[in-house]
Amino acid sequence: QGRYLSRHLHQAIKNIIGRAIDAVAATGLDPNSVLPEDEWFVEVCEMALKMLTGKSAFDNVEEDAYSPTASAQA
């Protein structure tokens, strides 16, 4: 479907974001200050789909490059 995600995938991403927000909020932290932007979740889902369907290998991508905490660790 090119760069346009299906309605079902958008709903799955919204559910993942909601769970992440709930999990972070349960620790007492502010989810808006800890979690990456929604676009990060979309990009990671797109990469996962490409990997699962065999359309991309991502063998040369650094593991921490897509981590939401990578910049905080540096």
PDB file of N, CA and C in Angstrom:
ATOM      1  N   GLN A   1       0.811  -1.204   0.000  1.00  0.00           N
ATOM      2  CA  GLN A   1       0.000   0.000   0.000  1.00  0.00           C
ATOM      3  C   GLN A   1       0.848   1.258   0.000  1.00  0.00           C
ATOM      4  N   GLY A   2       2.103   1.114  -0.345  1.00  0.00           N
ATOM      5  CA  GLY A   2       2.952   2.299  -0.392  1.00  0.00           C
ATOM      6  C   GLY A   2       3.184   2.896   0.976  1.00  0.00           C
ATOM      7  N   ARG A   3       3.181   4.210   1.057  1.00  0.00           N
ATOM      8  CA  ARG A   3       3.431   4.901   2.324  1.00  0.00           C
ATOM      9  C   ARG A   3       2.159   5.084   3.152  1.00  0.00           C
ATOM     10  N   TYR A   4       1.018   4.687   2.627  1.00  0.00           N
ATOM     11  CA  TYR A   4      -0.241   4.873   3.348  1.00  0.00           C
ATOM     12  C   TYR A   4      -0.599   3.607   4.101  1.00  0.00           C
ATOM     13  N   LEU A   5      -0.715   3.730   5.401  1.00  0.00           N
ATOM     14  CA  LEU A   5      -1.024   2.581   6.232  1.00  0.00           C
ATOM     15  C   LEU A   5      -2.520   2.308   6.239  1.00  0.00           C
ATOM     16  N   SER A   6      -2.864   1.047   6.387  1.00  0.00           N
ATOM     17  CA  SER A   6      -4.267   0.671   6.412  1.00  0.00           C
ATOM     18  C   SER A   6      -4.926   1.150   7.702  1.00  0.00           C
ATOM     19  N   ARG A   7      -6.233   1.181   7.672  1.00  0.00           N
ATOM     20  CA  ARG A   7      -7.017   1.579   8.842  1.00  0.00           C
ATOM     21  C   ARG A   7      -6.734   0.649  10.019  1.00  0.00           C
ATOM     22  N   HIS A   8      -6.590  -0.663   9.722  1.00  0.00           N
ATOM     23  CA  HIS A   8      -6.333  -1.638  10.784  1.00  0.00           C
ATOM     24  C   HIS A   8      -4.962  -1.420  11.415  1.00  0.00           C
ATOM     25  N   LEU A   9      -3.985  -1.098  10.589  1.00  0.00           N
ATOM     26  CA  LEU A   9      -2.648  -0.851  11.125  1.00  0.00           C
ATOM     27  C   LEU A   9      -2.623   0.433  11.944  1.00  0.00           C
ATOM     28  N   HIS A  10      -3.331   1.453  11.497  1.00  0.00           N
ATOM     29  CA  HIS A  10      -3.424   2.689  12.278  1.00  0.00           C
ATOM     30  C   HIS A  10      -4.044   2.410  13.646  1.00  0.00           C
ATOM     31  N   GLN A  11      -5.062   1.571  13.675  1.00  0.00           N
ATOM     32  CA  GLN A  11      -5.699   1.238  14.953  1.00  0.00           C
ATOM     33  C   GLN A  11      -4.735   0.467  15.847  1.00  0.00           C
ATOM     34  N   ALA A  12      -3.968  -0.450  15.267  1.00  0.00           N
ATOM     35  CA  ALA A  12      -2.986  -1.209  16.050  1.00  0.00           C
ATOM     36  C   ALA A  12      -1.922  -0.276  16.626  1.00  0.00           C
ATOM     37  N   ILE A  13      -1.465   0.690  15.820  1.00  0.00           N
ATOM     38  CA  ILE A  13      -0.469   1.652  16.297  1.00  0.00           C
ATOM     39  C   ILE A  13      -1.050   2.502  17.422  1.00  0.00           C
ATOM     40  N   LYS A  14      -2.296   2.932  17.272  1.00  0.00           N
ATOM     41  CA  LYS A  14      -2.945   3.710  18.340  1.00  0.00           C
ATOM     42  C   LYS A  14      -3.028   2.894  19.627  1.00  0.00           C
ATOM     43  N   ASN A  15      -3.321   1.611  19.497  1.00  0.00           N
ATOM     44  CA  ASN A  15      -3.393   0.742  20.677  1.00  0.00           C
ATOM     45  C   ASN A  15      -2.028   0.606  21.341  1.00  0.00           C
ATOM     46  N   ILE A  16      -0.978   0.457  20.541  1.00  0.00           N
ATOM     47  CA  ILE A  16       0.379   0.354  21.088  1.00  0.00           C
ATOM     48  C   ILE A  16       0.760   1.646  21.807  1.00  0.00           C
ATOM     49  N   ILE A  17       0.472   2.770  21.196  1.00  0.00           N
ATOM     50  CA  ILE A  17       0.764   4.062  21.820  1.00  0.00           C
ATOM     51  C   ILE A  17      -0.011   4.207  23.122  1.00  0.00           C
ATOM     52  N   GLY A  18      -1.265   3.822  23.112  1.00  0.00           N
ATOM     53  CA  GLY A  18      -2.084   3.892  24.327  1.00  0.00           C
ATOM     54  C   GLY A  18      -1.530   3.032  25.446  1.00  0.00           C
ATOM     55  N   ARG A  19      -1.074   1.839  25.099  1.00  0.00           N
ATOM     56  CA  ARG A  19      -0.481   0.956  26.109  1.00  0.00           C
ATOM     57  C   ARG A  19       0.820   1.539  26.653  1.00  0.00           C
ATOM     58  N   ALA A  20       1.613   2.124  25.766  1.00  0.00           N
ATOM     59  CA  ALA A  20       2.872   2.738  26.209  1.00  0.00           C
ATOM     60  C   ALA A  20       2.585   3.897  27.165  1.00  0.00           C
ATOM     61  N   ILE A  21       1.607   4.718  26.817  1.00  0.00           N
ATOM     62  CA  ILE A  21       1.234   5.849  27.678  1.00  0.00           C
ATOM     63  C   ILE A  21       0.763   5.348  29.031  1.00  0.00           C
ATOM     64  N   ASP A  22      -0.094   4.336  29.032  1.00  0.00           N
ATOM     65  CA  ASP A  22      -0.601   3.782  30.296  1.00  0.00           C
ATOM     66  C   ASP A  22       0.524   3.194  31.141  1.00  0.00           C
ATOM     67  N   ALA A  23       1.467   2.481  30.493  1.00  0.00           N
ATOM     68  CA  ALA A  23       2.563   1.857  31.228  1.00  0.00           C
ATOM     69  C   ALA A  23       3.476   2.905  31.861  1.00  0.00           C
ATOM     70  N   VAL A  24       3.780   3.958  31.107  1.00  0.00           N
ATOM     71  CA  VAL A  24       4.649   5.007  31.646  1.00  0.00           C
ATOM     72  C   VAL A  24       3.919   5.779  32.743  1.00  0.00           C
ATOM     73  N   ALA A  25       2.647   6.077  32.528  1.00  0.00           N
ATOM     74  CA  ALA A  25       1.870   6.808  33.533  1.00  0.00           C
ATOM     75  C   ALA A  25       1.765   6.019  34.834  1.00  0.00           C
ATOM     76  N   ALA A  26       1.709   4.691  34.732  1.00  0.00           N
ATOM     77  CA  ALA A  26       1.610   3.850  35.928  1.00  0.00           C
ATOM     78  C   ALA A  26       2.862   3.935  36.794  1.00  0.00           C
ATOM     79  N   THR A  27       3.971   4.356  36.201  1.00  0.00           N
ATOM     80  CA  THR A  27       5.211   4.504  36.979  1.00  0.00           C
ATOM     81  C   THR A  27       5.287   5.854  37.670  1.00  0.00           C
ATOM     82  N   GLY A  28       4.351   6.735  37.345  1.00  0.00           N
ATOM     83  CA  GLY A  28       4.356   8.062  37.937  1.00  0.00           C
ATOM     84  C   GLY A  28       5.069   9.108  37.087  1.00  0.00           C
ATOM     85  N   LEU A  29       5.627   8.690  35.951  1.00  0.00           N
ATOM     86  CA  LEU A  29       6.299   9.624  35.056  1.00  0.00           C
ATOM     87  C   LEU A  29       5.296  10.238  34.088  1.00  0.00           C
ATOM     88  N   ASP A  30       5.655  11.371  33.540  1.00  0.00           N
ATOM     89  CA  ASP A  30       4.826  12.029  32.540  1.00  0.00           C
ATOM     90  C   ASP A  30       5.106  11.402  31.177  1.00  0.00           C
ATOM     91  N   PRO A  31       4.144  10.699  30.571  1.00  0.00           N
ATOM     92  CA  PRO A  31       4.373  10.048  29.273  1.00  0.00           C
ATOM     93  C   PRO A  31       4.815  11.014  28.184  1.00  0.00           C
ATOM     94  N   ASN A  32       4.328  12.256  28.218  1.00  0.00           N
ATOM     95  CA  ASN A  32       4.691  13.227  27.185  1.00  0.00           C
ATOM     96  C   ASN A  32       6.153  13.635  27.257  1.00  0.00           C
ATOM     97  N   SER A  33       6.762  13.519  28.430  1.00  0.00           N
ATOM     98  CA  SER A  33       8.168  13.891  28.560  1.00  0.00           C
ATOM     99  C   SER A  33       9.099  12.704  28.346  1.00  0.00           C
ATOM    100  N   VAL A  34       8.556  11.487  28.348  1.00  0.00           N
ATOM    101  CA  VAL A  34       9.389  10.294  28.258  1.00  0.00           C
ATOM    102  C   VAL A  34       9.279   9.608  26.896  1.00  0.00           C
ATOM    103  N   LEU A  35       8.090   9.491  26.374  1.00  0.00           N
ATOM    104  CA  LEU A  35       7.870   8.748  25.133  1.00  0.00           C
ATOM    105  C   LEU A  35       8.198   9.583  23.897  1.00  0.00           C
ATOM    106  N   PRO A  36       8.617   8.906  22.826  1.00  0.00           N
ATOM    107  CA  PRO A  36       8.873   9.632  21.581  1.00  0.00           C
ATOM    108  C   PRO A  36       7.558  10.069  20.938  1.00  0.00           C
ATOM    109  N   GLU A  37       7.659  10.868  19.897  1.00  0.00           N
ATOM    110  CA  GLU A  37       6.483  11.328  19.164  1.00  0.00           C
ATOM    111  C   GLU A  37       5.788  10.135  18.500  1.00  0.00           C
ATOM    112  N   ASP A  38       4.511  10.294  18.196  1.00  0.00           N
ATOM    113  CA  ASP A  38       3.741   9.224  17.562  1.00  0.00           C
ATOM    114  C   ASP A  38       4.380   8.755  16.259  1.00  0.00           C
ATOM    115  N   GLU A  39       5.019   9.660  15.542  1.00  0.00           N
ATOM    116  CA  GLU A  39       5.647   9.303  14.266  1.00  0.00           C
ATOM    117  C   GLU A  39       6.718   8.236  14.458  1.00  0.00           C
ATOM    118  N   TRP A  40       7.395   8.241  15.600  1.00  0.00           N
ATOM    119  CA  TRP A  40       8.404   7.219  15.879  1.00  0.00           C
ATOM    120  C   TRP A  40       7.766   5.840  15.880  1.00  0.00           C
ATOM    121  N   PHE A  41       6.605   5.698  16.511  1.00  0.00           N
ATOM    122  CA  PHE A  41       5.907   4.424  16.544  1.00  0.00           C
ATOM    123  C   PHE A  41       5.518   3.980  15.139  1.00  0.00           C
ATOM    124  N   VAL A  42       5.052   4.909  14.321  1.00  0.00           N
ATOM    125  CA  VAL A  42       4.672   4.603  12.943  1.00  0.00           C
ATOM    126  C   VAL A  42       5.884   4.103  12.163  1.00  0.00           C
ATOM    127  N   GLU A  43       7.015   4.789  12.289  1.00  0.00           N
ATOM    128  CA  GLU A  43       8.230   4.398  11.572  1.00  0.00           C
ATOM    129  C   GLU A  43       8.707   3.013  11.993  1.00  0.00           C
ATOM    130  N   VAL A  44       8.662   2.732  13.278  1.00  0.00           N
ATOM    131  CA  VAL A  44       9.100   1.431  13.772  1.00  0.00           C
ATOM    132  C   VAL A  44       8.161   0.334  13.265  1.00  0.00           C
ATOM    133  N   CYS A  45       6.869   0.607  13.238  1.00  0.00           N
ATOM    134  CA  CYS A  45       5.914  -0.374  12.708  1.00  0.00           C
ATOM    135  C   CYS A  45       6.152  -0.616  11.221  1.00  0.00           C
ATOM    136  N   GLU A  46       6.432   0.432  10.470  1.00  0.00           N
ATOM    137  CA  GLU A  46       6.719   0.275   9.045  1.00  0.00           C
ATOM    138  C   GLU A  46       7.975  -0.567   8.848  1.00  0.00           C
ATOM    139  N   MET A  47       9.017  -0.325   9.647  1.00  0.00           N
ATOM    140  CA  MET A  47      10.239  -1.108   9.543  1.00  0.00           C
ATOM    141  C   MET A  47       9.971  -2.574   9.885  1.00  0.00           C
ATOM    142  N   ALA A  48       9.196  -2.808  10.931  1.00  0.00           N
ATOM    143  CA  ALA A  48       8.879  -4.179  11.331  1.00  0.00           C
ATOM    144  C   ALA A  48       8.121  -4.907  10.228  1.00  0.00           C
ATOM    145  N   LEU A  49       7.167  -4.223   9.607  1.00  0.00           N
ATOM    146  CA  LEU A  49       6.426  -4.844   8.515  1.00  0.00           C
ATOM    147  C   LEU A  49       7.333  -5.189   7.342  1.00  0.00           C
ATOM    148  N   LYS A  50       8.248  -4.291   7.012  1.00  0.00           N
ATOM    149  CA  LYS A  50       9.187  -4.560   5.924  1.00  0.00           C
ATOM    150  C   LYS A  50      10.064  -5.757   6.257  1.00  0.00           C
ATOM    151  N   MET A  51      10.500  -5.846   7.498  1.00  0.00           N
ATOM    152  CA  MET A  51      11.335  -6.972   7.905  1.00  0.00           C
ATOM    153  C   MET A  51      10.531  -8.273   7.873  1.00  0.00           C
ATOM    154  N   LEU A  52       9.300  -8.235   8.358  1.00  0.00           N
ATOM    155  CA  LEU A  52       8.468  -9.433   8.396  1.00  0.00           C
ATOM    156  C   LEU A  52       8.097  -9.923   7.004  1.00  0.00           C
ATOM    157  N   THR A  53       7.922  -9.006   6.079  1.00  0.00           N
ATOM    158  CA  THR A  53       7.548  -9.385   4.717  1.00  0.00           C
ATOM    159  C   THR A  53       8.763  -9.639   3.837  1.00  0.00           C
ATOM    160  N   GLY A  54       9.969  -9.432   4.371  1.00  0.00           N
ATOM    161  CA  GLY A  54      11.184  -9.686   3.613  1.00  0.00           C
ATOM    162  C   GLY A  54      11.521  -8.606   2.607  1.00  0.00           C
ATOM    163  N   LYS A  55      10.907  -7.438   2.712  1.00  0.00           N
ATOM    164  CA  LYS A  55      11.163  -6.359   1.757  1.00  0.00           C
ATOM    165  C   LYS A  55      12.398  -5.546   2.107  1.00  0.00           C
ATOM    166  N   SER A  56      12.874  -5.628   3.352  1.00  0.00           N
ATOM    167  CA  SER A  56      14.084  -4.925   3.774  1.00  0.00           C
ATOM    168  C   SER A  56      14.791  -5.754   4.825  1.00  0.00           C
ATOM    169  N   ALA A  57      16.105  -5.654   4.849  1.00  0.00           N
ATOM    170  CA  ALA A  57      16.885  -6.466   5.778  1.00  0.00           C
ATOM    171  C   ALA A  57      17.318  -5.679   7.005  1.00  0.00           C
ATOM    172  N   PHE A  58      17.670  -4.407   6.864  1.00  0.00           N
ATOM    173  CA  PHE A  58      18.130  -3.572   7.970  1.00  0.00           C
ATOM    174  C   PHE A  58      19.336  -4.161   8.685  1.00  0.00           C
ATOM    175  N   ASP A  59      20.168  -4.916   7.966  1.00  0.00           N
ATOM    176  CA  ASP A  59      21.354  -5.507   8.581  1.00  0.00           C
ATOM    177  C   ASP A  59      22.382  -4.466   8.987  1.00  0.00           C
ATOM    178  N   ASN A  60      22.407  -3.331   8.306  1.00  0.00           N
ATOM    179  CA  ASN A  60      23.441  -2.336   8.572  1.00  0.00           C
ATOM    180  C   ASN A  60      22.957  -1.199   9.470  1.00  0.00           C
ATOM    181  N   VAL A  61      21.820  -1.346  10.108  1.00  0.00           N
ATOM    182  CA  VAL A  61      21.280  -0.299  10.975  1.00  0.00           C
ATOM    183  C   VAL A  61      21.738  -0.554  12.394  1.00  0.00           C
ATOM    184  N   GLU A  62      22.259   0.493  13.029  1.00  0.00           N
ATOM    185  CA  GLU A  62      22.670   0.380  14.419  1.00  0.00           C
ATOM    186  C   GLU A  62      21.468   0.113  15.289  1.00  0.00           C
ATOM    187  N   GLU A  63      21.608  -0.777  16.261  1.00  0.00           N
ATOM    188  CA  GLU A  63      20.482  -1.190  17.091  1.00  0.00           C
ATOM    189  C   GLU A  63      19.879  -0.023  17.867  1.00  0.00           C
ATOM    190  N   ASP A  64      20.688   0.852  18.424  1.00  0.00           N
ATOM    191  CA  ASP A  64      20.186   1.948  19.241  1.00  0.00           C
ATOM    192  C   ASP A  64      19.652   3.122  18.426  1.00  0.00           C
ATOM    193  N   ALA A  65      19.822   3.103  17.127  1.00  0.00           N
ATOM    194  CA  ALA A  65      19.436   4.248  16.306  1.00  0.00           C
ATOM    195  C   ALA A  65      17.944   4.550  16.398  1.00  0.00           C
ATOM    196  N   TYR A  66      17.124   3.531  16.622  1.00  0.00           N
ATOM    197  CA  TYR A  66      15.680   3.739  16.654  1.00  0.00           C
ATOM    198  C   TYR A  66      15.103   3.628  18.059  1.00  0.00           C
ATOM    199  N   SER A  67      15.962   3.563  19.042  1.00  0.00           N
ATOM    200  CA  SER A  67      15.516   3.485  20.418  1.00  0.00           C
ATOM    201  C   SER A  67      15.070   4.862  20.902  1.00  0.00           C
ATOM    202  N   PRO A  68      13.914   4.925  21.583  1.00  0.00           N
ATOM    203  CA  PRO A  68      13.455   6.226  22.077  1.00  0.00           C
ATOM    204  C   PRO A  68      14.365   6.799  23.160  1.00  0.00           C
ATOM    205  N   THR A  69      15.192   5.946  23.755  1.00  0.00           N
ATOM    206  CA  THR A  69      16.093   6.419  24.819  1.00  0.00           C
ATOM    207  C   THR A  69      17.520   6.561  24.331  1.00  0.00           C
ATOM    208  N   ALA A  70      17.776   6.339  23.038  1.00  0.00           N
ATOM    209  CA  ALA A  70      19.145   6.397  22.526  1.00  0.00           C
ATOM    210  C   ALA A  70      19.773   7.753  22.762  1.00  0.00           C
ATOM    211  N   SER A  71      19.029   8.828  22.559  1.00  0.00           N
ATOM    212  CA  SER A  71      19.590  10.159  22.750  1.00  0.00           C
ATOM    213  C   SER A  71      19.825  10.455  24.219  1.00  0.00           C
ATOM    214  N   ALA A  72      19.051   9.870  25.107  1.00  0.00           N
ATOM    215  CA  ALA A  72      19.221  10.088  26.537  1.00  0.00           C
ATOM    216  C   ALA A  72      20.447   9.353  27.067  1.00  0.00           C
ATOM    217  N   GLN A  73      20.813   8.251  26.399  1.00  0.00           N
ATOM    218  CA  GLN A  73      21.955   7.458  26.848  1.00  0.00           C
ATOM    219  C   GLN A  73      23.265   8.053  26.378  1.00  0.00           C
ATOM    220  N   ALA A  74      23.234   8.824  25.313  1.00  0.00           N
ATOM    221  CA  ALA A  74      24.476   9.357  24.742  1.00  0.00           C
ATOM    222  C   ALA A  74      25.050  10.478  25.572  1.00  0.00           C
TER     223      ALA A  74
END
